[in-house]
N, C-alpha and C. Protein backbone atom coordinates (compact mmCIF):
# COMPACT_ATOMS: atom_id res chain seq x y z
N ALA A 1 96.77 121.68 133.11
CA ALA A 1 97.88 120.94 132.79
C ALA A 1 97.63 119.63 132.16
N ALA A 2 96.53 118.93 132.49
CA ALA A 2 96.31 117.64 131.91
C ALA A 2 95.81 117.82 130.39
N CYS A 3 95.19 118.99 130.11
CA CYS A 3 94.91 119.14 128.64
C CYS A 3 96.03 119.27 127.82
N VAL A 4 97.07 119.93 128.31
CA VAL A 4 98.38 120.16 127.53
C VAL A 4 98.91 118.79 127.30
N VAL A 5 98.93 117.88 128.23
CA VAL A 5 99.59 116.48 128.04
C VAL A 5 98.81 115.85 126.99
N VAL A 6 97.50 115.76 127.05
CA VAL A 6 96.64 115.03 126.01
C VAL A 6 96.91 115.59 124.64
N ILE A 7 97.00 116.89 124.47
CA ILE A 7 97.31 117.44 123.13
C ILE A 7 98.67 117.16 122.70
N LEU A 8 99.58 117.07 123.54
CA LEU A 8 101.07 116.66 123.12
C LEU A 8 100.99 115.23 122.59
N ILE A 9 100.26 114.35 123.34
CA ILE A 9 100.21 112.97 122.82
C ILE A 9 99.42 112.86 121.63
N LEU A 10 98.44 113.63 121.31
CA LEU A 10 97.76 113.42 119.94
C LEU A 10 98.69 114.05 118.95
N LEU A 11 99.31 115.11 119.15
CA LEU A 11 100.17 115.67 118.19
C LEU A 11 101.48 114.83 117.73
N SER A 12 101.88 114.06 118.85
CA SER A 12 103.01 113.20 118.52
C SER A 12 102.56 111.83 118.01
N GLY A 13 101.33 111.68 117.69
CA GLY A 13 100.74 110.59 116.96
C GLY A 13 100.67 109.32 118.01
N GLY A 14 100.51 109.57 119.23
CA GLY A 14 100.47 108.53 120.23
C GLY A 14 101.71 108.01 120.79
N GLY A 15 102.79 108.53 120.38
CA GLY A 15 104.10 108.21 121.02
C GLY A 15 104.79 107.05 120.22
N GLY A 16 104.26 105.96 119.84
CA GLY A 16 104.90 105.05 119.29
C GLY A 16 104.15 104.15 118.33
N THR A 17 103.34 104.87 117.43
CA THR A 17 102.60 104.15 116.52
C THR A 17 103.43 103.78 115.30
N PRO A 18 103.57 102.58 115.04
CA PRO A 18 104.38 102.25 113.84
C PRO A 18 103.76 102.54 112.55
N LEU A 19 104.58 102.75 111.51
CA LEU A 19 103.99 103.16 110.24
C LEU A 19 103.46 101.85 109.68
N VAL A 20 102.33 102.17 108.94
CA VAL A 20 101.57 100.94 108.32
C VAL A 20 102.51 100.66 107.05
N VAL A 21 102.84 99.35 106.93
CA VAL A 21 103.59 98.96 105.69
C VAL A 21 102.71 98.04 104.95
N ASP A 22 102.76 98.19 103.65
CA ASP A 22 101.95 97.38 102.86
C ASP A 22 102.32 95.91 102.94
N LYS A 23 101.45 95.06 103.17
CA LYS A 23 101.78 93.58 103.38
C LYS A 23 101.54 92.86 102.10
N PRO A 24 102.59 92.29 101.47
CA PRO A 24 102.31 91.58 100.22
C PRO A 24 101.22 90.46 100.28
N ASP A 25 100.41 90.47 99.29
CA ASP A 25 99.29 89.37 99.34
C ASP A 25 99.20 88.68 97.98
N THR A 26 99.93 89.22 96.90
CA THR A 26 99.78 88.70 95.58
C THR A 26 101.08 88.68 94.90
N VAL A 27 101.50 87.58 94.33
CA VAL A 27 102.74 87.65 93.44
C VAL A 27 102.43 87.17 92.07
N ALA A 28 102.94 88.00 91.06
CA ALA A 28 102.57 87.65 89.78
C ALA A 28 103.97 87.65 89.00
N VAL A 29 103.88 86.46 88.03
CA VAL A 29 105.12 86.41 87.17
C VAL A 29 104.60 86.80 85.83
N ILE A 30 105.12 87.76 85.19
CA ILE A 30 104.70 88.19 83.80
C ILE A 30 105.80 88.02 82.92
N TYR A 31 105.44 87.47 81.76
CA TYR A 31 106.53 87.00 80.77
C TYR A 31 105.93 87.26 79.41
N GLU A 32 106.82 87.26 78.41
CA GLU A 32 106.47 87.23 76.94
C GLU A 32 106.34 85.89 76.49
N SER A 33 105.24 85.45 76.13
CA SER A 33 104.97 84.11 75.77
C SER A 33 105.66 83.61 74.49
N SER A 34 106.02 84.60 73.53
CA SER A 34 106.61 84.27 72.40
C SER A 34 108.10 83.89 72.74
N ASP A 35 108.57 84.31 73.78
CA ASP A 35 110.09 84.15 74.24
C ASP A 35 110.29 82.82 74.89
N ASP A 36 109.40 82.39 75.81
CA ASP A 36 109.48 81.16 76.65
C ASP A 36 108.37 81.09 77.48
N ILE A 37 108.19 79.92 78.12
CA ILE A 37 107.22 79.67 79.17
C ILE A 37 108.03 79.67 80.56
N PRO A 38 107.36 80.11 81.55
CA PRO A 38 108.04 79.88 82.81
C PRO A 38 108.65 78.43 83.17
N LYS A 39 109.72 78.40 83.68
CA LYS A 39 110.42 77.14 84.07
C LYS A 39 109.78 76.48 85.21
N PRO A 40 109.92 75.15 85.44
CA PRO A 40 109.29 74.45 86.57
C PRO A 40 109.66 75.01 87.98
N TYR A 41 110.86 75.61 88.16
CA TYR A 41 111.24 76.26 89.42
C TYR A 41 110.35 77.47 89.76
N VAL A 42 109.75 78.02 88.69
CA VAL A 42 108.81 79.34 88.86
C VAL A 42 107.66 78.70 89.50
N THR A 43 106.90 77.69 88.93
CA THR A 43 105.62 77.11 89.24
C THR A 43 105.87 76.53 90.81
N GLY A 44 107.04 75.94 91.01
CA GLY A 44 107.32 75.25 92.28
C GLY A 44 107.45 76.41 93.40
N ALA A 45 108.01 77.49 93.20
CA ALA A 45 108.14 78.64 94.13
C ALA A 45 106.72 79.20 94.44
N LEU A 46 106.01 79.32 93.29
CA LEU A 46 104.58 79.99 93.40
C LEU A 46 103.64 79.02 94.19
N GLY A 47 103.93 77.69 94.07
CA GLY A 47 103.11 76.78 94.87
C GLY A 47 103.35 76.84 96.23
N GLN A 48 104.67 77.08 96.65
CA GLN A 48 105.03 77.17 97.99
C GLN A 48 104.54 78.63 98.64
N LEU A 49 104.59 79.63 97.71
CA LEU A 49 103.87 80.88 98.21
C LEU A 49 102.44 80.80 98.44
N GLN A 50 101.70 80.02 97.56
CA GLN A 50 100.25 79.82 97.83
C GLN A 50 100.12 78.95 99.10
N ALA A 51 100.85 78.07 99.39
CA ALA A 51 100.65 77.37 100.59
C ALA A 51 100.97 78.31 101.82
N ASP A 52 101.65 79.34 101.56
CA ASP A 52 101.90 80.34 102.66
C ASP A 52 100.83 81.31 102.62
N GLY A 53 99.78 81.23 101.88
CA GLY A 53 98.61 82.21 101.86
C GLY A 53 98.64 83.29 100.73
N PHE A 54 99.60 83.36 99.90
CA PHE A 54 99.64 84.19 98.80
C PHE A 54 98.80 83.81 97.65
N GLN A 55 98.21 84.79 96.93
CA GLN A 55 97.52 84.67 95.69
C GLN A 55 98.67 84.72 94.68
N THR A 56 98.67 83.82 93.73
CA THR A 56 99.82 83.86 92.84
C THR A 56 99.23 83.73 91.32
N ARG A 57 99.89 84.40 90.50
CA ARG A 57 99.47 84.36 89.07
C ARG A 57 100.72 84.36 88.02
N ILE A 58 100.59 83.75 86.88
CA ILE A 58 101.62 83.65 85.97
C ILE A 58 100.73 83.98 84.64
N PHE A 59 101.25 85.11 84.02
CA PHE A 59 100.55 85.45 82.77
C PHE A 59 101.34 86.22 81.75
N ASP A 60 100.95 86.23 80.53
CA ASP A 60 101.61 86.83 79.48
C ASP A 60 101.35 88.31 79.53
N LYS A 61 102.29 89.14 79.04
CA LYS A 61 102.05 90.55 79.18
C LYS A 61 100.93 91.05 78.26
N ASP A 62 100.50 90.22 77.27
CA ASP A 62 99.49 90.63 76.41
C ASP A 62 98.18 89.99 76.81
N VAL A 63 97.92 89.53 78.06
CA VAL A 63 96.60 89.08 78.53
C VAL A 63 95.49 90.02 78.37
N VAL A 64 94.39 89.52 77.85
CA VAL A 64 93.28 90.46 77.73
C VAL A 64 91.95 89.65 78.10
N THR A 65 90.89 90.47 78.37
CA THR A 65 89.56 89.91 78.65
C THR A 65 88.88 89.52 77.37
N GLY A 66 87.77 88.94 77.40
CA GLY A 66 86.98 88.56 76.10
C GLY A 66 86.64 89.73 75.25
N THR A 67 86.71 90.93 75.88
CA THR A 67 86.39 92.12 75.08
C THR A 67 87.67 92.90 74.65
N GLY A 68 88.84 92.23 74.84
CA GLY A 68 90.05 92.77 74.34
C GLY A 68 90.64 93.74 75.31
N GLN A 69 90.29 93.87 76.54
CA GLN A 69 90.76 94.92 77.43
C GLN A 69 91.75 94.22 78.44
N ILE A 70 92.70 94.97 78.80
CA ILE A 70 93.68 94.43 79.99
C ILE A 70 92.77 94.48 81.21
N PRO A 71 92.79 93.30 81.88
CA PRO A 71 92.03 93.30 83.07
C PRO A 71 92.51 94.21 84.18
N ASN A 72 91.49 94.98 84.75
CA ASN A 72 91.88 96.22 85.58
C ASN A 72 92.79 95.67 86.79
N ASN A 73 92.44 94.51 87.29
CA ASN A 73 93.32 94.07 88.49
C ASN A 73 94.75 93.73 88.10
N MET A 74 95.11 93.70 86.83
CA MET A 74 96.45 93.35 86.36
C MET A 74 97.14 94.29 85.68
N LYS A 75 96.50 95.49 85.30
CA LYS A 75 97.03 96.52 84.42
C LYS A 75 98.25 97.29 85.09
N GLU A 76 98.31 97.52 86.35
CA GLU A 76 99.52 98.19 86.99
C GLU A 76 100.63 97.20 87.00
N ALA A 77 100.26 95.87 87.33
CA ALA A 77 101.36 94.91 87.37
C ALA A 77 102.06 94.69 85.98
N ILE A 78 101.21 94.60 84.96
CA ILE A 78 101.81 94.44 83.69
C ILE A 78 102.71 95.68 83.31
N GLU A 79 102.14 96.84 83.53
CA GLU A 79 102.89 98.16 83.27
C GLU A 79 104.19 98.15 83.89
N GLU A 80 104.15 97.78 85.30
CA GLU A 80 105.52 97.76 85.94
C GLU A 80 106.40 96.77 85.49
N ALA A 81 105.91 95.58 85.16
CA ALA A 81 106.73 94.53 84.66
C ALA A 81 107.41 94.83 83.32
N ILE A 82 106.63 95.46 82.36
CA ILE A 82 107.20 95.88 81.15
C ILE A 82 108.33 96.95 81.39
N LYS A 83 107.97 97.97 82.19
CA LYS A 83 109.04 98.98 82.60
C LYS A 83 110.31 98.28 83.01
N ASN A 84 110.17 97.31 83.80
CA ASN A 84 111.23 96.54 84.39
C ASN A 84 112.10 95.63 83.47
N GLY A 85 111.43 95.18 82.55
CA GLY A 85 111.79 94.14 81.55
C GLY A 85 111.44 92.74 81.89
N LEU A 86 111.01 92.06 80.86
CA LEU A 86 110.47 90.68 81.02
C LEU A 86 111.46 89.59 80.95
N PRO A 87 111.38 88.42 81.60
CA PRO A 87 110.24 88.08 82.49
C PRO A 87 110.46 88.87 83.88
N ALA A 88 109.46 89.21 84.61
CA ALA A 88 109.41 89.91 85.74
C ALA A 88 108.63 89.27 86.85
N ILE A 89 109.00 89.54 88.14
CA ILE A 89 108.14 89.09 89.25
C ILE A 89 107.70 90.43 89.80
N VAL A 90 106.26 90.51 90.04
CA VAL A 90 105.63 91.64 90.66
C VAL A 90 104.99 91.24 91.92
N VAL A 91 105.21 92.03 93.00
CA VAL A 91 104.61 91.83 94.30
C VAL A 91 103.63 92.90 94.49
N LEU A 92 102.44 92.46 94.98
CA LEU A 92 101.35 93.52 95.14
C LEU A 92 100.74 93.26 96.66
N SER A 93 100.17 94.45 96.98
CA SER A 93 99.40 94.47 98.11
C SER A 93 98.01 95.09 97.88
N LYS A 94 96.98 94.39 98.01
CA LYS A 94 95.58 94.89 97.72
C LYS A 94 95.55 95.51 96.30
N GLY A 95 96.18 94.88 95.37
CA GLY A 95 96.19 95.39 94.01
C GLY A 95 97.09 96.43 93.67
N LYS A 96 97.95 96.91 94.62
CA LYS A 96 98.83 97.96 94.40
C LYS A 96 100.32 97.32 94.31
N VAL A 97 100.98 97.69 93.20
CA VAL A 97 102.35 97.27 93.05
C VAL A 97 103.32 97.77 94.10
N ILE A 98 103.99 96.80 94.90
CA ILE A 98 104.98 97.21 95.89
C ILE A 98 106.41 97.06 95.24
N LYS A 99 106.58 96.09 94.40
CA LYS A 99 107.84 95.86 93.96
C LYS A 99 107.81 95.16 92.60
N ALA A 100 108.60 95.50 91.68
CA ALA A 100 108.76 94.70 90.31
C ALA A 100 110.24 94.57 90.12
N GLN A 101 110.65 93.40 89.64
CA GLN A 101 112.01 93.13 89.44
C GLN A 101 112.23 91.97 88.55
N ASP A 102 113.34 91.75 87.94
CA ASP A 102 113.69 90.64 87.13
C ASP A 102 113.32 89.49 87.78
N LEU A 103 112.81 88.36 87.12
CA LEU A 103 112.46 87.08 87.64
C LEU A 103 113.74 86.38 88.02
N PRO A 104 113.84 86.13 89.34
CA PRO A 104 114.98 85.30 89.84
C PRO A 104 115.28 83.96 89.12
N GLN A 105 116.43 83.58 89.21
CA GLN A 105 116.89 82.27 88.64
C GLN A 105 116.66 81.05 89.30
N ASN A 106 116.20 81.05 90.61
CA ASN A 106 115.80 79.89 91.30
C ASN A 106 114.67 79.99 92.25
N GLU A 107 114.29 78.86 92.74
CA GLU A 107 113.11 79.01 93.60
C GLU A 107 113.19 79.69 94.87
N SER A 108 114.29 79.49 95.61
CA SER A 108 114.48 80.23 96.81
C SER A 108 114.54 81.73 96.72
N GLU A 109 115.20 82.19 95.58
CA GLU A 109 115.39 83.58 95.29
C GLU A 109 113.95 84.30 95.13
N ILE A 110 113.07 83.49 94.43
CA ILE A 110 111.59 83.89 94.19
C ILE A 110 111.03 84.12 95.53
N ILE A 111 111.20 83.23 96.46
CA ILE A 111 110.34 83.28 97.68
C ILE A 111 111.13 84.44 98.55
N GLU A 112 112.37 84.68 98.36
CA GLU A 112 113.04 85.69 99.16
C GLU A 112 112.54 87.08 98.70
N VAL A 113 112.16 87.28 97.51
CA VAL A 113 111.68 88.44 96.94
C VAL A 113 110.39 88.91 97.55
N VAL A 114 109.65 87.94 97.94
CA VAL A 114 108.25 88.21 98.63
C VAL A 114 108.36 88.48 100.05
N LYS A 115 109.32 87.80 100.81
CA LYS A 115 109.33 87.83 102.17
C LYS A 115 109.85 89.17 102.80
C-alpha cells in the first residue's frame, strides 16, 4: 500500500508544486530614431527599474553590430517590438520575450508594465 501512495504523489506532481513563471529581468525600450528620441520620463522609469535590479536598454530598431548584424541578444525583442508597433516596451526573462506593448505615456505606467 505504501508504494501506491508514493506513485500517486509522483503522478500528481508532488501535490502543490507551483508552476514556474518567467521572472522579468530585462526591460527594453525600442524606438525609431528618425521619429523621435525617448522622452525624459522613459529614462527616469528605466533608472528606477535599474535600481530595483533590472537590466535596462533603450535602442533603435535598426541597431547592428560592427559587422552589420542584429545582436543575437536583441533580435527577438526587436522583432516583437516591430510587430507591436514603435515605440514599444519589451519585457524579457533570460533573453526570452515575455511581453511587448506600446510604450506607456508616463513613468509609473512603465514601471507597472514590468511588475
